[in-house]
Structure formats: C-alpha cells, structure tokens
Amino acid sequence: MRNQIIEDLKTAMKAQNKVKLSVIRMVKGAIQMEELEAKRELKDDEVIGIIAKQIKTRKESIVEFEKGNRTDLIKATEDEIKILEEYMPEQLSKEEVKQMVEEAFSTIQPTSPRDMGRIMGFLTPKLKGKADMSEVSKMVKEKLGNS
C-alpha cells in the first residue's frame, strides 16, 4: 500500500496533477505521523484506516460547505474523496452489510440496546474499511430498537 502511494505520488508529479499530488502528499504525511507515533512501519489495514479517516473528515467538511453554500469547495472536496477512495478496498453493498448485521444478531442474540458494543465489536473487524461504519452503526441501532 505504501509503495503504491509513493508510485502514485511520482506519477502525479510527472503529470503535474496538482489536486492528486496534494491529496497523496497529505495521506503520506498522515501515514508518516502515525509511523512516528507507533515507532514502526504501519500495516496495510492501518494505512486503510488512516485513509478512511481522511475520507470521513472530507465528508464532514462537505456538510459544512453545503451549509455555507460553497459549491466550489464542495466540488474540490468531492474530487479529493474520489482520489482517496482509489486506495480503499472495494466497498460492500448495502445488502451485504445488512446480511453481516443479521449474522451478528443471530450469533450474539442481543436482548437490549446495551448489547450495541458487543455487536459492533463483532462487526468492526469484518467491515472496517469495507463499509461506512457510521451507516453500520445506524443499521444496528435501528435493528436493536425493533427487537
């Protein structure tokens, strides 16, 4: 994953693609900061976690830009998200996520909303990086409310 990011950085430099270059440099910097903190090279799943966090931050920014009616910033941020999503594993469909939630419920058999943590603990390792965890959380809460 790291090698892919470095290669893409070189390609973006040669192509003079300023947007992609900026986004990749930001990701590379975030990875380096985490590596300094951890005092080791990060594994691919940790790099994916960093990229997912960057995507989440940008999606939150889009919400704020919409409130301020800043369509120029919304478009630029959406372009950045598209670049970041290239590094993410293929996302699961809503149906696939729903199926995983059903599996979690049949395995854990929750009795109250207090079991939310156990269910999310079961789902997170399987879905992290492959689905929007805030959406997964909403599905679980909804299902807990109905049971």
Protein backbone atom coordinates (compact mmCIF):
# COMPACT_ATOMS: atom_id res chain seq x y z
CA MET A 1 0.00 0.00 0.00
CA ARG A 2 2.79 2.42 0.96
CA ASN A 3 4.68 1.60 -2.25
CA GLN A 4 1.53 2.22 -4.29
CA ILE A 5 1.10 5.64 -2.67
CA ILE A 6 4.74 6.56 -3.38
CA GLU A 7 4.44 5.42 -7.01
CA ASP A 8 1.22 7.41 -7.42
CA LEU A 9 2.97 10.44 -5.91
CA LYS A 10 5.72 10.20 -8.56
CA THR A 11 3.14 9.74 -11.33
CA ALA A 12 1.14 12.76 -10.14
CA MET A 13 4.33 14.84 -10.06
CA LYS A 14 5.24 13.86 -13.63
CA ALA A 15 1.69 14.51 -14.85
CA GLN A 16 1.59 17.80 -12.90
CA ASN A 17 -1.77 16.78 -11.44
CA LYS A 18 -1.86 19.29 -8.57
CA VAL A 19 -5.03 18.00 -6.91
CA LYS A 20 -3.92 14.38 -6.83
CA LEU A 21 -0.41 15.39 -5.77
CA SER A 22 -1.79 17.45 -2.89
CA VAL A 23 -4.08 14.65 -1.67
CA ILE A 24 -1.38 11.98 -1.90
CA ARG A 25 1.13 14.19 -0.06
CA MET A 26 -1.42 14.74 2.69
CA VAL A 27 -2.03 10.99 3.03
CA LYS A 28 1.70 10.27 3.00
CA GLY A 29 2.20 12.87 5.74
CA ALA A 30 -0.58 11.39 7.87
CA ILE A 31 0.96 7.93 7.47
CA GLN A 32 4.39 9.22 8.45
CA MET A 33 2.96 10.93 11.54
CA GLU A 34 1.31 7.67 12.64
CA GLU A 35 4.52 5.75 12.00
CA LEU A 36 6.50 8.19 14.11
CA GLU A 37 3.99 7.80 16.90
CA ALA A 38 3.96 4.00 16.62
CA LYS A 39 7.75 3.83 16.07
CA ARG A 40 7.26 1.23 13.34
CA GLU A 41 6.06 0.87 9.76
CA LEU A 42 2.28 0.63 9.51
CA LYS A 43 0.49 -2.39 8.10
CA ASP A 44 -1.85 -2.03 5.13
CA ASP A 45 -5.00 -2.23 7.27
CA GLU A 46 -3.68 0.63 9.43
CA VAL A 47 -2.97 2.70 6.31
CA ILE A 48 -6.52 1.98 5.11
CA GLY A 49 -7.78 3.21 8.49
CA ILE A 50 -5.90 6.49 8.02
CA ILE A 51 -7.33 6.93 4.53
CA ALA A 52 -10.84 6.13 5.81
CA LYS A 53 -10.40 8.82 8.47
CA GLN A 54 -9.37 11.31 5.78
CA ILE A 55 -12.47 10.45 3.73
CA LYS A 56 -14.70 10.84 6.79
CA THR A 57 -13.19 14.25 7.55
CA ARG A 58 -13.84 15.41 4.00
CA LYS A 59 -17.44 14.18 4.07
CA GLU A 60 -17.97 16.17 7.25
CA SER A 61 -16.45 19.20 5.52
CA ILE A 62 -18.89 18.84 2.62
CA VAL A 63 -21.80 19.06 5.08
CA GLU A 64 -20.37 22.32 6.42
CA PHE A 65 -19.71 23.68 2.91
CA GLU A 66 -23.34 22.94 1.99
CA LYS A 67 -24.48 24.99 4.98
CA GLY A 68 -22.33 27.87 3.73
CA ASN A 69 -23.45 27.34 0.11
CA ARG A 70 -19.83 26.92 -1.06
CA THR A 71 -20.32 24.82 -4.20
CA ASP A 72 -16.72 25.46 -5.30
CA LEU A 73 -15.34 23.86 -2.14
CA ILE A 74 -17.87 21.01 -2.30
CA LYS A 75 -16.69 20.05 -5.81
CA ALA A 76 -13.00 20.23 -4.83
CA THR A 77 -13.60 18.12 -1.72
CA GLU A 78 -15.60 15.53 -3.68
CA ASP A 79 -12.66 15.25 -6.11
CA GLU A 80 -10.32 14.63 -3.17
CA ILE A 81 -12.64 11.91 -1.83
CA LYS A 82 -12.61 10.18 -5.25
CA ILE A 83 -8.80 10.13 -5.18
CA LEU A 84 -8.73 8.73 -1.63
CA GLU A 85 -11.32 6.07 -2.45
CA GLU A 86 -8.92 4.63 -5.04
CA TYR A 87 -6.85 3.29 -2.13
CA MET A 88 -9.77 1.78 -0.24
CA PRO A 89 -10.76 -1.86 -0.63
CA GLU A 90 -13.93 -2.44 -2.62
CA GLN A 91 -16.90 -1.30 -0.57
CA LEU A 92 -19.62 -3.80 0.32
CA SER A 93 -23.13 -3.18 -0.93
CA LYS A 94 -25.88 -2.17 1.48
CA GLU A 95 -27.37 -5.66 1.13
CA GLU A 96 -24.04 -7.32 2.01
CA VAL A 97 -23.70 -5.10 5.08
CA LYS A 98 -27.30 -5.88 6.08
CA GLN A 99 -26.52 -9.59 5.79
CA MET A 100 -23.47 -9.18 8.06
CA VAL A 101 -25.62 -7.32 10.62
CA GLU A 102 -28.15 -10.17 10.52
CA GLU A 103 -25.31 -12.65 11.08
CA ALA A 104 -24.08 -10.63 14.06
CA PHE A 105 -27.56 -10.60 15.58
CA SER A 106 -28.01 -14.34 15.13
CA THR A 107 -24.57 -15.03 16.65
CA ILE A 108 -24.78 -12.63 19.61
CA GLN A 109 -28.56 -12.69 20.16
CA PRO A 110 -28.81 -9.27 21.82
CA THR A 111 -31.50 -8.72 24.42
CA SER A 112 -31.32 -4.93 24.79
CA PRO A 113 -29.72 -1.81 23.31
CA ARG A 114 -26.90 -2.30 25.85
CA ASP A 115 -25.59 -5.09 23.59
CA MET A 116 -24.68 -2.50 20.91
CA GLY A 117 -21.00 -2.65 21.91
CA ARG A 118 -20.86 -6.43 21.59
CA ILE A 119 -22.47 -6.33 18.15
CA MET A 120 -20.19 -3.55 16.89
CA GLY A 121 -17.20 -5.42 18.33
CA PHE A 122 -18.25 -8.43 16.26
CA LEU A 123 -18.83 -6.40 13.08
CA THR A 124 -15.94 -3.91 13.14
CA PRO A 125 -13.09 -6.31 12.30
CA LYS A 126 -15.12 -7.76 9.42
CA LEU A 127 -16.35 -4.47 7.94
CA LYS A 128 -13.67 -1.88 8.75
CA GLY A 129 -12.54 -0.24 5.53
CA LYS A 130 -15.17 -2.13 3.54
CA ALA A 131 -18.22 -0.20 4.75
CA ASP A 132 -19.08 3.16 6.30
CA MET A 133 -19.08 2.25 9.98
CA SER A 134 -21.44 5.12 10.87
CA GLU A 135 -24.01 3.56 8.50
CA VAL A 136 -23.39 0.13 10.07
CA SER A 137 -23.95 1.68 13.50
CA LYS A 138 -27.25 3.21 12.33
CA MET A 139 -28.41 -0.18 10.99
CA VAL A 140 -27.54 -1.89 14.29
CA LYS A 141 -29.30 0.79 16.37
CA GLU A 142 -32.38 0.54 14.18
CA LYS A 143 -32.46 -3.24 14.46
CA LEU A 144 -31.91 -3.09 18.23
CA GLY A 145 -34.81 -0.66 18.51
CA ASN A 146 -37.07 -3.04 16.58
CA SER A 147 -36.17 -6.14 18.61
